[in-house]
PDB file of N, CA and C in Angstrom:
ATOM      1  N   MET A   1       0.836  -1.193   0.000  1.00  0.00           N
ATOM      2  CA  MET A   1       0.000   0.000   0.000  1.00  0.00           C
ATOM      3  C   MET A   1       0.880   1.255   0.000  1.00  0.00           C
ATOM      4  N   SER A   2       0.752   2.014  -1.059  1.00  0.00           N
ATOM      5  CA  SER A   2       1.523   3.251  -1.141  1.00  0.00           C
ATOM      6  C   SER A   2       0.658   4.406  -0.640  1.00  0.00           C
ATOM      7  N   LYS A   3       1.317   5.393  -0.096  1.00  0.00           N
ATOM      8  CA  LYS A   3       0.596   6.569   0.412  1.00  0.00           C
ATOM      9  C   LYS A   3       0.668   7.700  -0.606  1.00  0.00           C
ATOM     10  N   ASP A   4       0.342   7.408  -1.861  1.00  0.00           N
ATOM     11  CA  ASP A   4       0.389   8.426  -2.908  1.00  0.00           C
ATOM     12  C   ASP A   4      -0.721   9.442  -2.701  1.00  0.00           C
ATOM     13  N   ILE A   5      -0.442  10.664  -3.139  1.00  0.00           N
ATOM     14  CA  ILE A   5      -1.448  11.717  -3.109  1.00  0.00           C
ATOM     15  C   ILE A   5      -2.493  11.381  -4.170  1.00  0.00           C
ATOM     16  N   PRO A   6      -3.783  11.432  -3.834  1.00  0.00           N
ATOM     17  CA  PRO A   6      -4.803  11.192  -4.856  1.00  0.00           C
ATOM     18  C   PRO A   6      -4.693  12.223  -5.976  1.00  0.00           C
ATOM     19  N   LEU A   7      -5.057  11.805  -7.195  1.00  0.00           N
ATOM     20  CA  LEU A   7      -4.874  12.648  -8.378  1.00  0.00           C
ATOM     21  C   LEU A   7      -5.544  14.005  -8.217  1.00  0.00           C
ATOM     22  N   SER A   8      -6.787  14.021  -7.729  1.00  0.00           N
ATOM     23  CA  SER A   8      -7.498  15.295  -7.568  1.00  0.00           C
ATOM     24  C   SER A   8      -6.793  16.187  -6.551  1.00  0.00           C
ATOM     25  N   GLY A   9      -6.204  15.589  -5.534  1.00  0.00           N
ATOM     26  CA  GLY A   9      -5.450  16.358  -4.550  1.00  0.00           C
ATOM     27  C   GLY A   9      -4.211  16.982  -5.163  1.00  0.00           C
ATOM     28  N   GLY A  10      -3.526  16.220  -6.006  1.00  0.00           N
ATOM     29  CA  GLY A  10      -2.336  16.736  -6.686  1.00  0.00           C
ATOM     30  C   GLY A  10      -2.673  17.881  -7.611  1.00  0.00           C
ATOM     31  N   ILE A  11      -3.778  17.734  -8.349  1.00  0.00           N
ATOM     32  CA  ILE A  11      -4.203  18.790  -9.275  1.00  0.00           C
ATOM     33  C   ILE A  11      -4.558  20.053  -8.499  1.00  0.00           C
ATOM     34  N   SER A  12      -5.296  19.910  -7.404  1.00  0.00           N
ATOM     35  CA  SER A  12      -5.681  21.105  -6.647  1.00  0.00           C
ATOM     36  C   SER A  12      -4.470  21.760  -5.993  1.00  0.00           C
ATOM     37  N   LEU A  13      -3.459  20.953  -5.621  1.00  0.00           N
ATOM     38  CA  LEU A  13      -2.232  21.532  -5.062  1.00  0.00           C
ATOM     39  C   LEU A  13      -1.512  22.365  -6.117  1.00  0.00           C
ATOM     40  N   ILE A  14      -1.372  21.814  -7.330  1.00  0.00           N
ATOM     41  CA  ILE A  14      -0.710  22.534  -8.422  1.00  0.00           C
ATOM     42  C   ILE A  14      -1.475  23.819  -8.742  1.00  0.00           C
ATOM     43  N   LEU A  15      -2.804  23.717  -8.835  1.00  0.00           N
ATOM     44  CA  LEU A  15      -3.625  24.900  -9.115  1.00  0.00           C
ATOM     45  C   LEU A  15      -3.489  25.950  -8.016  1.00  0.00           C
ATOM     46  N   SER A  16      -3.435  25.494  -6.769  1.00  0.00           N
ATOM     47  CA  SER A  16      -3.335  26.459  -5.667  1.00  0.00           C
ATOM     48  C   SER A  16      -1.992  27.179  -5.694  1.00  0.00           C
ATOM     49  N   ILE A  17      -0.912  26.440  -6.005  1.00  0.00           N
ATOM     50  CA  ILE A  17       0.410  27.067  -6.096  1.00  0.00           C
ATOM     51  C   ILE A  17       0.427  28.092  -7.226  1.00  0.00           C
ATOM     52  N   CYS A  18      -0.117  27.702  -8.387  1.00  0.00           N
ATOM     53  CA  CYS A  18      -0.175  28.627  -9.529  1.00  0.00           C
ATOM     54  C   CYS A  18      -1.018  29.857  -9.193  1.00  0.00           C
ATOM     55  N   SER A  19      -2.146  29.645  -8.516  1.00  0.00           N
ATOM     56  CA  SER A  19      -3.023  30.763  -8.156  1.00  0.00           C
ATOM     57  C   SER A  19      -2.342  31.713  -7.182  1.00  0.00           C
ATOM     58  N   ILE A  20      -1.621  31.157  -6.211  1.00  0.00           N
ATOM     59  CA  ILE A  20      -0.937  32.001  -5.226  1.00  0.00           C
ATOM     60  C   ILE A  20       0.170  32.803  -5.906  1.00  0.00           C
ATOM     61  N   ILE A  21       0.954  32.138  -6.790  1.00  0.00           N
ATOM     62  CA  ILE A  21       2.007  32.846  -7.532  1.00  0.00           C
ATOM     63  C   ILE A  21       1.385  33.942  -8.398  1.00  0.00           C
ATOM     64  N   GLY A  22       0.306  33.591  -9.109  1.00  0.00           N
ATOM     65  CA  GLY A  22      -0.392  34.571  -9.939  1.00  0.00           C
ATOM     66  C   GLY A  22      -0.942  35.725  -9.116  1.00  0.00           C
ATOM     67  N   GLY A  23      -1.496  35.406  -7.960  1.00  0.00           N
ATOM     68  CA  GLY A  23      -2.045  36.436  -7.079  1.00  0.00           C
ATOM     69  C   GLY A  23      -0.988  37.410  -6.604  1.00  0.00           C
ATOM     70  N   VAL A  24       0.173  36.881  -6.214  1.00  0.00           N
ATOM     71  CA  VAL A  24       1.277  37.738  -5.774  1.00  0.00           C
ATOM     72  C   VAL A  24       1.743  38.617  -6.936  1.00  0.00           C
ATOM     73  N   TYR A  25       1.854  38.016  -8.128  1.00  0.00           N
ATOM     74  CA  TYR A  25       2.280  38.767  -9.320  1.00  0.00           C
ATOM     75  C   TYR A  25       1.307  39.907  -9.631  1.00  0.00           C
ATOM     76  N   PHE A  26      -0.004  39.588  -9.661  1.00  0.00           N
ATOM     77  CA  PHE A  26      -1.007  40.619  -9.943  1.00  0.00           C
ATOM     78  C   PHE A  26      -0.996  41.704  -8.865  1.00  0.00           C
ATOM     79  N   LEU A  27      -0.859  41.284  -7.606  1.00  0.00           N
ATOM     80  CA  LEU A  27      -0.856  42.235  -6.500  1.00  0.00           C
ATOM     81  C   LEU A  27       0.303  43.217  -6.640  1.00  0.00           C
ATOM     82  N   ILE A  28       1.507  42.688  -6.928  1.00  0.00           N
ATOM     83  CA  ILE A  28       2.690  43.541  -7.088  1.00  0.00           C
ATOM     84  C   ILE A  28       2.510  44.477  -8.276  1.00  0.00           C
ATOM     85  N   SER A  29       2.027  43.945  -9.409  1.00  0.00           N
ATOM     86  CA  SER A  29       1.866  44.790 -10.598  1.00  0.00           C
ATOM     87  C   SER A  29       0.803  45.873 -10.374  1.00  0.00           C
ATOM     88  N   GLU A  30      -0.267  45.538  -9.629  1.00  0.00           N
ATOM     89  CA  GLU A  30      -1.301  46.534  -9.335  1.00  0.00           C
ATOM     90  C   GLU A  30      -0.773  47.631  -8.410  1.00  0.00           C
ATOM     91  N   ILE A  31       0.012  47.241  -7.416  1.00  0.00           N
ATOM     92  CA  ILE A  31       0.563  48.232  -6.486  1.00  0.00           C
ATOM     93  C   ILE A  31       1.575  49.119  -7.215  1.00  0.00           C
ATOM     94  N   MET A  32       2.409  48.513  -8.079  1.00  0.00           N
ATOM     95  CA  MET A  32       3.415  49.271  -8.831  1.00  0.00           C
ATOM     96  C   MET A  32       2.762  50.288  -9.764  1.00  0.00           C
ATOM     97  N   SER A  33       1.663  49.894 -10.415  1.00  0.00           N
ATOM     98  CA  SER A  33       1.032  50.792 -11.391  1.00  0.00           C
ATOM     99  C   SER A  33      -0.056  51.675 -10.756  1.00  0.00           C
ATOM    100  N   ASN A  34      -0.195  51.607  -9.421  1.00  0.00           N
ATOM    101  CA  ASN A  34      -1.165  52.429  -8.680  1.00  0.00           C
ATOM    102  C   ASN A  34      -2.611  52.176  -9.116  1.00  0.00           C
ATOM    103  N   HIS A  35      -2.900  50.954  -9.568  1.00  0.00           N
ATOM    104  CA  HIS A  35      -4.279  50.593  -9.910  1.00  0.00           C
ATOM    105  C   HIS A  35      -4.880  49.683  -8.842  1.00  0.00           C
ATOM    106  N   PHE A  36      -4.316  49.702  -7.643  1.00  0.00           N
ATOM    107  CA  PHE A  36      -4.777  48.785  -6.608  1.00  0.00           C
ATOM    108  C   PHE A  36      -6.105  49.259  -6.035  1.00  0.00           C
ATOM    109  N   VAL A  37      -7.176  48.526  -6.357  1.00  0.00           N
ATOM    110  CA  VAL A  37      -8.499  48.768  -5.783  1.00  0.00           C
ATOM    111  C   VAL A  37      -8.915  47.450  -5.141  1.00  0.00           C
ATOM    112  N   LEU A  38      -9.163  47.474  -3.834  1.00  0.00           N
ATOM    113  CA  LEU A  38      -9.366  46.233  -3.087  1.00  0.00           C
ATOM    114  C   LEU A  38     -10.465  45.359  -3.683  1.00  0.00           C
ATOM    115  N   LEU A  39     -11.600  45.967  -4.027  1.00  0.00           N
ATOM    116  CA  LEU A  39     -12.739  45.178  -4.491  1.00  0.00           C
ATOM    117  C   LEU A  39     -12.561  44.663  -5.917  1.00  0.00           C
ATOM    118  N   GLN A  40     -11.665  45.295  -6.695  1.00  0.00           N
ATOM    119  CA  GLN A  40     -11.477  44.875  -8.080  1.00  0.00           C
ATOM    120  C   GLN A  40     -10.120  44.214  -8.294  1.00  0.00           C
ATOM    121  N   SER A  41      -9.443  43.863  -7.209  1.00  0.00           N
ATOM    122  CA  SER A  41      -8.076  43.367  -7.311  1.00  0.00           C
ATOM    123  C   SER A  41      -8.030  41.926  -7.807  1.00  0.00           C
ATOM    124  N   LYS A  42      -7.341  41.708  -8.925  1.00  0.00           N
ATOM    125  CA  LYS A  42      -7.114  40.343  -9.414  1.00  0.00           C
ATOM    126  C   LYS A  42      -6.212  39.584  -8.451  1.00  0.00           C
ATOM    127  N   GLY A  43      -5.262  40.293  -7.851  1.00  0.00           N
ATOM    128  CA  GLY A  43      -4.329  39.649  -6.927  1.00  0.00           C
ATOM    129  C   GLY A  43      -5.039  39.019  -5.744  1.00  0.00           C
ATOM    130  N   ILE A  44      -5.965  39.774  -5.140  1.00  0.00           N
ATOM    131  CA  ILE A  44      -6.734  39.264  -3.998  1.00  0.00           C
ATOM    132  C   ILE A  44      -7.555  38.049  -4.425  1.00  0.00           C
ATOM    133  N   LEU A  45      -8.159  38.139  -5.611  1.00  0.00           N
ATOM    134  CA  LEU A  45      -8.977  37.046  -6.130  1.00  0.00           C
ATOM    135  C   LEU A  45      -8.155  35.769  -6.281  1.00  0.00           C
ATOM    136  N   PHE A  46      -6.985  35.890  -6.932  1.00  0.00           N
ATOM    137  CA  PHE A  46      -6.146  34.716  -7.152  1.00  0.00           C
ATOM    138  C   PHE A  46      -5.595  34.168  -5.848  1.00  0.00           C
ATOM    139  N   LEU A  47      -5.200  35.057  -4.932  1.00  0.00           N
ATOM    140  CA  LEU A  47      -4.678  34.600  -3.646  1.00  0.00           C
ATOM    141  C   LEU A  47      -5.739  33.834  -2.866  1.00  0.00           C
ATOM    142  N   SER A  48      -6.967  34.360  -2.835  1.00  0.00           N
ATOM    143  CA  SER A  48      -8.022  33.676  -2.079  1.00  0.00           C
ATOM    144  C   SER A  48      -8.386  32.352  -2.741  1.00  0.00           C
ATOM    145  N   LEU A  49      -8.380  32.321  -4.075  1.00  0.00           N
ATOM    146  CA  LEU A  49      -8.622  31.076  -4.801  1.00  0.00           C
ATOM    147  C   LEU A  49      -7.540  30.051  -4.472  1.00  0.00           C
ATOM    148  N   GLY A  50      -6.298  30.493  -4.492  1.00  0.00           N
ATOM    149  CA  GLY A  50      -5.175  29.600  -4.201  1.00  0.00           C
ATOM    150  C   GLY A  50      -5.224  29.053  -2.787  1.00  0.00           C
ATOM    151  N   ILE A  51      -5.535  29.923  -1.832  1.00  0.00           N
ATOM    152  CA  ILE A  51      -5.609  29.492  -0.435  1.00  0.00           C
ATOM    153  C   ILE A  51      -6.761  28.507  -0.250  1.00  0.00           C
ATOM    154  N   GLY A  52      -7.895  28.796  -0.898  1.00  0.00           N
ATOM    155  CA  GLY A  52      -9.042  27.885  -0.826  1.00  0.00           C
ATOM    156  C   GLY A  52      -8.719  26.515  -1.399  1.00  0.00           C
ATOM    157  N   LEU A  53      -8.062  26.492  -2.551  1.00  0.00           N
ATOM    158  CA  LEU A  53      -7.670  25.225  -3.174  1.00  0.00           C
ATOM    159  C   LEU A  53      -6.657  24.486  -2.309  1.00  0.00           C
ATOM    160  N   PHE A  54      -5.751  25.234  -1.665  1.00  0.00           N
ATOM    161  CA  PHE A  54      -4.747  24.599  -0.819  1.00  0.00           C
ATOM    162  C   PHE A  54      -5.401  23.891   0.357  1.00  0.00           C
ATOM    163  N   PHE A  55      -6.383  24.547   0.982  1.00  0.00           N
ATOM    164  CA  PHE A  55      -7.070  23.906   2.101  1.00  0.00           C
ATOM    165  C   PHE A  55      -7.904  22.721   1.631  1.00  0.00           C
ATOM    166  N   THR A  56      -8.493  22.825   0.428  1.00  0.00           N
ATOM    167  CA  THR A  56      -9.210  21.688  -0.154  1.00  0.00           C
ATOM    168  C   THR A  56      -8.263  20.509  -0.301  1.00  0.00           C
ATOM    169  N   PHE A  57      -7.067  20.783  -0.820  1.00  0.00           N
ATOM    170  CA  PHE A  57      -6.039  19.757  -0.991  1.00  0.00           C
ATOM    171  C   PHE A  57      -5.675  19.130   0.348  1.00  0.00           C
ATOM    172  N   ARG A  58      -5.450  19.970   1.364  1.00  0.00           N
ATOM    173  CA  ARG A  58      -5.070  19.469   2.681  1.00  0.00           C
ATOM    174  C   ARG A  58      -6.128  18.512   3.230  1.00  0.00           C
ATOM    175  N   PHE A  59      -7.404  18.896   3.107  1.00  0.00           N
ATOM    176  CA  PHE A  59      -8.467  18.050   3.641  1.00  0.00           C
ATOM    177  C   PHE A  59      -8.594  16.760   2.843  1.00  0.00           C
ATOM    178  N   GLN A  60      -8.391  16.819   1.524  1.00  0.00           N
ATOM    179  CA  GLN A  60      -8.453  15.605   0.702  1.00  0.00           C
ATOM    180  C   GLN A  60      -7.372  14.624   1.132  1.00  0.00           C
ATOM    181  N   VAL A  61      -6.162  15.134   1.366  1.00  0.00           N
ATOM    182  CA  VAL A  61      -5.057  14.265   1.762  1.00  0.00           C
ATOM    183  C   VAL A  61      -5.297  13.702   3.155  1.00  0.00           C
ATOM    184  N   LEU A  62      -5.780  14.544   4.076  1.00  0.00           N
ATOM    185  CA  LEU A  62      -6.046  14.065   5.430  1.00  0.00           C
ATOM    186  C   LEU A  62      -7.143  13.005   5.425  1.00  0.00           C
ATOM    187  N   ASP A  63      -8.172  13.193   4.586  1.00  0.00           N
ATOM    188  CA  ASP A  63      -9.233  12.193   4.480  1.00  0.00           C
ATOM    189  C   ASP A  63      -8.708  10.909   3.860  1.00  0.00           C
ATOM    190  N   ALA A  64      -7.800  11.032   2.896  1.00  0.00           N
ATOM    191  CA  ALA A  64      -7.262   9.854   2.214  1.00  0.00           C
ATOM    192  C   ALA A  64      -6.386   9.026   3.153  1.00  0.00           C
ATOM    193  N   LYS A  65      -5.759   9.684   4.132  1.00  0.00           N
ATOM    194  CA  LYS A  65      -4.867   8.962   5.049  1.00  0.00           C
ATOM    195  C   LYS A  65      -5.637   8.182   6.106  1.00  0.00           C
ATOM    196  N   LYS A  66      -6.900   8.517   6.315  1.00  0.00           N
ATOM    197  CA  LYS A  66      -7.695   7.834   7.346  1.00  0.00           C
ATOM    198  C   LYS A  66      -8.042   6.425   6.911  1.00  0.00           C
TER     199      LYS A  66
END
C-alpha cells in the first residue's frame, strides 16, 4: 500500500500554487502601477482562490490517510 497523493489532490495543489504565484504577481503589478483597488483586485482574487484550493487539498489528503 503506497501513500500516494490522490490525483485530484495533486491537481488542486498545483492549481493552488499557480493561483498564489499569480495572485502575488497581480498584487505587485497593481501596487506598482497604482491601480490597486481592493474590491477589483485580481491579486486578492487569485490569492483567495489559491488558499481555498490549498485547504481543499489538505483536507483531501487528510481524508485519504484515514
